[in-house]
C-alpha atoms as a PDB file:
ATOM      1  CA  UNK A   1      70.961  88.595 114.089  1.00  0.00           C
ATOM      2  CA  UNK A   2      68.023  89.380 116.418  1.00  0.00           C
ATOM      3  CA  UNK A   3      66.177  92.672 117.257  1.00  0.00           C
ATOM      4  CA  UNK A   4      66.213  93.255 120.994  1.00  0.00           C
ATOM      5  CA  UNK A   5      63.679  94.979 123.197  1.00  0.00           C
ATOM      6  CA  UNK A   6      64.491  98.577 124.053  1.00  0.00           C
ATOM      7  CA  UNK A   7      63.891  99.730 127.511  1.00  0.00           C
ATOM      8  CA  UNK A   8      61.618 102.777 127.769  1.00  0.00           C
ATOM      9  CA  UNK A   9      61.660 105.640 130.460  1.00  0.00           C
ATOM     10  CA  UNK A  10      61.035 105.459 133.350  1.00  0.00           C
ATOM     11  CA  UNK A  11      62.415 101.820 133.542  1.00  0.00           C
ATOM     12  CA  UNK A  12      64.990 101.803 136.487  1.00  0.00           C
ATOM     13  CA  UNK A  13      67.134  99.473 134.596  1.00  0.00           C
ATOM     14  CA  UNK A  14      68.129 102.591 132.288  1.00  0.00           C
ATOM     15  CA  UNK A  15      69.616 104.043 135.306  1.00  0.00           C
ATOM     16  CA  UNK A  16      72.218 101.069 135.746  1.00  0.00           C
ATOM     17  CA  UNK A  17      75.721 102.290 135.311  1.00  0.00           C
ATOM     18  CA  UNK A  18      77.546  99.875 132.725  1.00  0.00           C
ATOM     19  CA  UNK A  19      80.596  97.839 133.205  1.00  0.00           C
ATOM     20  CA  UNK A  20      83.740  98.085 131.193  1.00  0.00           C
ATOM     21  CA  UNK A  21      84.227  95.324 128.594  1.00  0.00           C
ATOM     22  CA  UNK A  22      87.339  93.520 129.549  1.00  0.00           C
ATOM     23  CA  UNK A  23      87.690  91.406 126.327  1.00  0.00           C
ATOM     24  CA  UNK A  24      85.862  91.579 123.072  1.00  0.00           C
ATOM     25  CA  UNK A  25      84.594  88.183 122.283  1.00  0.00           C
ATOM     26  CA  UNK A  26      82.397  86.572 119.772  1.00  0.00           C
ATOM     27  CA  UNK A  27      79.380  87.254 122.124  1.00  0.00           C
ATOM     28  CA  UNK A  28      80.354  90.856 122.068  1.00  0.00           C
ATOM     29  CA  UNK A  29      80.481  91.054 118.476  1.00  0.00           C
ATOM     30  CA  UNK A  30      77.006  89.171 118.267  1.00  0.00           C
ATOM     31  CA  UNK A  31      75.559  91.804 120.782  1.00  0.00           C
ATOM     32  CA  UNK A  32      76.816  94.538 118.547  1.00  0.00           C
ATOM     33  CA  UNK A  33      75.224  93.080 115.412  1.00  0.00           C
ATOM     34  CA  UNK A  34      71.959  92.696 117.270  1.00  0.00           C
ATOM     35  CA  UNK A  35      72.178  96.221 118.466  1.00  0.00           C
ATOM     36  CA  UNK A  36      72.822  97.465 115.022  1.00  0.00           C
ATOM     37  CA  UNK A  37      69.724  95.623 113.920  1.00  0.00           C
ATOM     38  CA  UNK A  38      67.679  96.924 116.643  1.00  0.00           C
ATOM     39  CA  UNK A  39      68.886 100.541 116.092  1.00  0.00           C
ATOM     40  CA  UNK A  40      68.276 100.519 112.202  1.00  0.00           C
ATOM     41  CA  UNK A  41      64.903  98.834 112.747  1.00  0.00           C
ATOM     42  CA  UNK A  42      63.744 101.375 115.467  1.00  0.00           C
ATOM     43  CA  UNK A  43      64.883 103.522 113.481  1.00  0.00           C
ATOM     44  CA  UNK A  44      67.559 105.371 115.443  1.00  0.00           C
ATOM     45  CA  UNK A  45      71.194 106.916 114.932  1.00  0.00           C
ATOM     46  CA  UNK A  46      72.576 105.526 118.389  1.00  0.00           C
ATOM     47  CA  UNK A  47      71.955 102.831 120.757  1.00  0.00           C
ATOM     48  CA  UNK A  48      73.667 101.962 124.034  1.00  0.00           C
ATOM     49  CA  UNK A  49      73.840  98.405 125.412  1.00  0.00           C
ATOM     50  CA  UNK A  50      71.907  99.722 128.535  1.00  0.00           C
ATOM     51  CA  UNK A  51      69.049 100.497 126.453  1.00  0.00           C
ATOM     52  CA  UNK A  52      68.703  96.883 125.600  1.00  0.00           C
ATOM     53  CA  UNK A  53      69.220  95.698 129.083  1.00  0.00           C
ATOM     54  CA  UNK A  54      72.971  94.697 128.741  1.00  0.00           C
ATOM     55  CA  UNK A  55      74.994  96.642 131.155  1.00  0.00           C
ATOM     56  CA  UNK A  56      78.405  96.835 129.254  1.00  0.00           C
ATOM     57  CA  UNK A  57      80.136  99.989 127.790  1.00  0.00           C
ATOM     58  CA  UNK A  58      79.062  99.314 124.179  1.00  0.00           C
ATOM     59  CA  UNK A  59      77.573 101.921 121.756  1.00  0.00           C
ATOM     60  CA  UNK A  60      76.523 101.495 118.067  1.00  0.00           C
ATOM     61  CA  UNK A  61      76.115 104.714 116.022  1.00  0.00           C
ATOM     62  CA  UNK A  62      75.396 105.685 112.578  1.00  0.00           C
ATOM     63  CA  UNK A  63      74.582 109.247 111.882  1.00  0.00           C
ATOM     64  CA  UNK A  64      74.959 109.061 108.155  1.00  0.00           C
ATOM     65  CA  UNK A  65      71.814 109.942 105.947  1.00  0.00           C
ATOM     66  CA  UNK A  66      72.005 106.558 104.107  1.00  0.00           C
ATOM     67  CA  UNK A  67      72.644 104.450 107.238  1.00  0.00           C
ATOM     68  CA  UNK A  68      75.769 103.049 105.625  1.00  0.00           C
ATOM     69  CA  UNK A  69      78.362 104.207 108.158  1.00  0.00           C
ATOM     70  CA  UNK A  70      78.209 101.913 111.289  1.00  0.00           C
ATOM     71  CA  UNK A  71      80.376 102.961 114.047  1.00  0.00           C
ATOM     72  CA  UNK A  72      80.979 100.769 117.212  1.00  0.00           C
ATOM     73  CA  UNK A  73      82.431 102.369 120.296  1.00  0.00           C
ATOM     74  CA  UNK A  74      83.428  99.928 123.267  1.00  0.00           C
ATOM     75  CA  UNK A  75      84.498 101.536 126.378  1.00  0.00           C
ATOM     76  CA  UNK A  76      84.178 104.885 125.065  1.00  0.00           C
ATOM     77  CA  UNK A  77      85.529 108.173 126.736  1.00  0.00           C
ATOM     78  CA  UNK A  78      85.576 111.662 125.482  1.00  0.00           C
ATOM     79  CA  UNK A  79      87.202 114.950 126.365  1.00  0.00           C
ATOM     80  CA  UNK A  80      85.805 118.233 125.459  1.00  0.00           C
ATOM     81  CA  UNK A  81      88.011 120.105 122.765  1.00  0.00           C
ATOM     82  CA  UNK A  82      85.724 123.309 122.520  1.00  0.00           C
ATOM     83  CA  UNK A  83      83.690 124.378 125.468  1.00  0.00           C
ATOM     84  CA  UNK A  84      81.240 126.217 123.218  1.00  0.00           C
ATOM     85  CA  UNK A  85      77.911 124.646 123.604  1.00  0.00           C
ATOM     86  CA  UNK A  86      75.516 123.648 120.721  1.00  0.00           C
ATOM     87  CA  UNK A  87      71.823 123.502 121.193  1.00  0.00           C
ATOM     88  CA  UNK A  88      70.543 120.480 119.311  1.00  0.00           C
ATOM     89  CA  UNK A  89      67.101 118.729 119.398  1.00  0.00           C
ATOM     90  CA  UNK A  90      67.605 115.203 120.785  1.00  0.00           C
ATOM     91  CA  UNK A  91      65.116 112.210 120.874  1.00  0.00           C
ATOM     92  CA  UNK A  92      65.797 108.842 122.252  1.00  0.00           C
ATOM     93  CA  UNK A  93      64.618 105.262 121.465  1.00  0.00           C
ATOM     94  CA  UNK A  94      64.168 104.957 125.393  1.00  0.00           C
ATOM     95  CA  UNK A  95      61.911 107.967 125.415  1.00  0.00           C
ATOM     96  CA  UNK A  96      59.893 107.423 122.222  1.00  0.00           C
ATOM     97  CA  UNK A  97      57.899 110.346 120.656  1.00  0.00           C
ATOM     98  CA  UNK A  98      59.607 113.185 122.580  1.00  0.00           C
ATOM     99  CA  UNK A  99      62.110 115.656 121.260  1.00  0.00           C
ATOM    100  CA  UNK A 100      63.631 118.376 123.412  1.00  0.00           C
ATOM    101  CA  UNK A 101      66.703 120.918 122.860  1.00  0.00           C
ATOM    102  CA  UNK A 102      69.765 120.038 124.866  1.00  0.00           C
ATOM    103  CA  UNK A 103      73.017 121.893 125.060  1.00  0.00           C
ATOM    104  CA  UNK A 104      76.281 119.852 124.768  1.00  0.00           C
ATOM    105  CA  UNK A 105      79.993 120.448 123.642  1.00  0.00           C
ATOM    106  CA  UNK A 106      80.041 120.547 120.043  1.00  0.00           C
ATOM    107  CA  UNK A 107      83.658 119.343 119.538  1.00  0.00           C
ATOM    108  CA  UNK A 108      85.034 116.298 121.278  1.00  0.00           C
ATOM    109  CA  UNK A 109      88.031 113.848 121.044  1.00  0.00           C
ATOM    110  CA  UNK A 110      86.786 110.332 121.592  1.00  0.00           C
ATOM    111  CA  UNK A 111      88.741 107.233 122.741  1.00  0.00           C
ATOM    112  CA  UNK A 112      87.354 103.612 122.405  1.00  0.00           C
ATOM    113  CA  UNK A 113      87.928 100.248 121.230  1.00  0.00           C
ATOM    114  CA  UNK A 114      86.325  99.134 117.850  1.00  0.00           C
ATOM    115  CA  UNK A 115      84.359  95.836 117.427  1.00  0.00           C
ATOM    116  CA  UNK A 116      87.539  93.977 117.103  1.00  0.00           C
ATOM    117  CA  UNK A 117      89.100  95.536 120.330  1.00  0.00           C
ATOM    118  CA  UNK A 118      91.347  97.776 118.308  1.00  0.00           C
ATOM    119  CA  UNK A 119      92.085 101.372 119.749  1.00  0.00           C
ATOM    120  CA  UNK A 120      90.191 104.296 118.215  1.00  0.00           C
ATOM    121  CA  UNK A 121      91.016 107.843 118.806  1.00  0.00           C
ATOM    122  CA  UNK A 122      89.300 110.585 116.749  1.00  0.00           C
ATOM    123  CA  UNK A 123      87.807 113.912 116.932  1.00  0.00           C
ATOM    124  CA  UNK A 124      83.909 114.233 116.537  1.00  0.00           C
ATOM    125  CA  UNK A 125      81.976 117.495 115.862  1.00  0.00           C
ATOM    126  CA  UNK A 126      78.249 118.469 115.548  1.00  0.00           C
ATOM    127  CA  UNK A 127      75.784 115.657 115.240  1.00  0.00           C
ATOM    128  CA  UNK A 128      78.219 112.784 115.736  1.00  0.00           C
ATOM    129  CA  UNK A 129      79.696 114.646 118.991  1.00  0.00           C
ATOM    130  CA  UNK A 130      76.205 115.110 120.340  1.00  0.00           C
ATOM    131  CA  UNK A 131      75.275 111.459 119.487  1.00  0.00           C
ATOM    132  CA  UNK A 132      78.328 110.156 121.104  1.00  0.00           C
ATOM    133  CA  UNK A 133      77.696 112.382 124.374  1.00  0.00           C
ATOM    134  CA  UNK A 134      73.921 111.138 124.677  1.00  0.00           C
ATOM    135  CA  UNK A 135      75.060 107.256 124.157  1.00  0.00           C
ATOM    136  CA  UNK A 136      77.711 107.776 126.838  1.00  0.00           C
ATOM    137  CA  UNK A 137      75.146 109.406 129.008  1.00  0.00           C
ATOM    138  CA  UNK A 138      73.338 106.117 128.723  1.00  0.00           C
ATOM    139  CA  UNK A 139      76.128 104.057 129.905  1.00  0.00           C
ATOM    140  CA  UNK A 140      76.486 106.382 132.902  1.00  0.00           C
ATOM    141  CA  UNK A 141      72.756 105.627 133.782  1.00  0.00           C
ATOM    142  CA  UNK A 142      71.620 109.328 132.558  1.00  0.00           C
ATOM    143  CA  UNK A 143      69.022 110.115 130.010  1.00  0.00           C
ATOM    144  CA  UNK A 144      68.373 113.106 127.835  1.00  0.00           C
ATOM    145  CA  UNK A 145      65.469 113.987 129.928  1.00  0.00           C
ATOM    146  CA  UNK A 146      67.739 114.702 132.872  1.00  0.00           C
ATOM    147  CA  UNK A 147      68.817 117.933 131.055  1.00  0.00           C
ATOM    148  CA  UNK A 148      65.147 119.131 131.075  1.00  0.00           C
ATOM    149  CA  UNK A 149      63.401 121.205 133.680  1.00  0.00           C
ATOM    150  CA  UNK A 150      61.686 119.104 136.447  1.00  0.00           C
ATOM    151  CA  UNK A 151      58.287 120.172 134.996  1.00  0.00           C
ATOM    152  CA  UNK A 152      59.229 118.665 131.344  1.00  0.00           C
ATOM    153  CA  UNK A 153      60.534 115.469 132.681  1.00  0.00           C
ATOM    154  CA  UNK A 154      57.695 114.854 134.890  1.00  0.00           C
ATOM    155  CA  UNK A 155      55.258 115.456 132.008  1.00  0.00           C
ATOM    156  CA  UNK A 156      57.070 112.978 129.734  1.00  0.00           C
ATOM    157  CA  UNK A 157      57.359 110.530 132.481  1.00  0.00           C
ATOM    158  CA  UNK A 158      53.615 110.689 133.046  1.00  0.00           C
ATOM    159  CA  UNK A 159      52.827 110.419 129.398  1.00  0.00           C
ATOM    160  CA  UNK A 160      54.852 107.401 129.066  1.00  0.00           C
ATOM    161  CA  UNK A 161      53.675 105.657 132.042  1.00  0.00           C
ATOM    162  CA  UNK A 162      50.261 106.195 130.895  1.00  0.00           C
ATOM    163  CA  UNK A 163      51.201 104.676 127.271  1.00  0.00           C
ATOM    164  CA  UNK A 164      52.827 101.680 129.127  1.00  0.00           C
ATOM    165  CA  UNK A 165      49.617 101.122 131.205  1.00  0.00           C
ATOM    166  CA  UNK A 166      47.730 101.160 128.047  1.00  0.00           C
ATOM    167  CA  UNK A 167      50.007  98.515 126.302  1.00  0.00           C
ATOM    168  CA  UNK A 168      49.584  96.376 129.309  1.00  0.00           C
ATOM    169  CA  UNK A 169      46.015  96.690 129.316  1.00  0.00           C
ATOM    170  CA  UNK A 170      45.859  98.343 132.642  1.00  0.00           C
ATOM    171  CA  UNK A 171      43.303 101.028 133.460  1.00  0.00           C
ATOM    172  CA  UNK A 172      44.622 104.640 133.095  1.00  0.00           C
END
């Protein structure tokens, strides 16, 4: 397994729409293992392949307190089962250090494939539902900052651009 570099906002590659996985192969499973290692090390509770510059519809998740309930979703889709919105504070490995409230449906039905290509069909609520929607957004080229006001989004972008310039040794 290998840790993968995580793209950070405002990297334009985060806006790439991911392609469906046609066949689950050993390379797909290796990518999934690498994504889990990257996600747990970060540490995070969800990671979309887009965030590691692989533009395939693959998500890894683990919202358990002990990080012992890994979940893989390949080609995930969801439908809203309850239109009531839940406001939850979200953060993102691609937007490090920033947390903002986002409203999303709290109850969804998810369809996807597992790491072996077997179909999954289940209901998700609360944190799991929010996390799945957040990660599917990544596969669609969308970030949680897109739900924020233009002012907040610009402020976050400016701070991360400054951080990136400092890391690269460029003048601020």
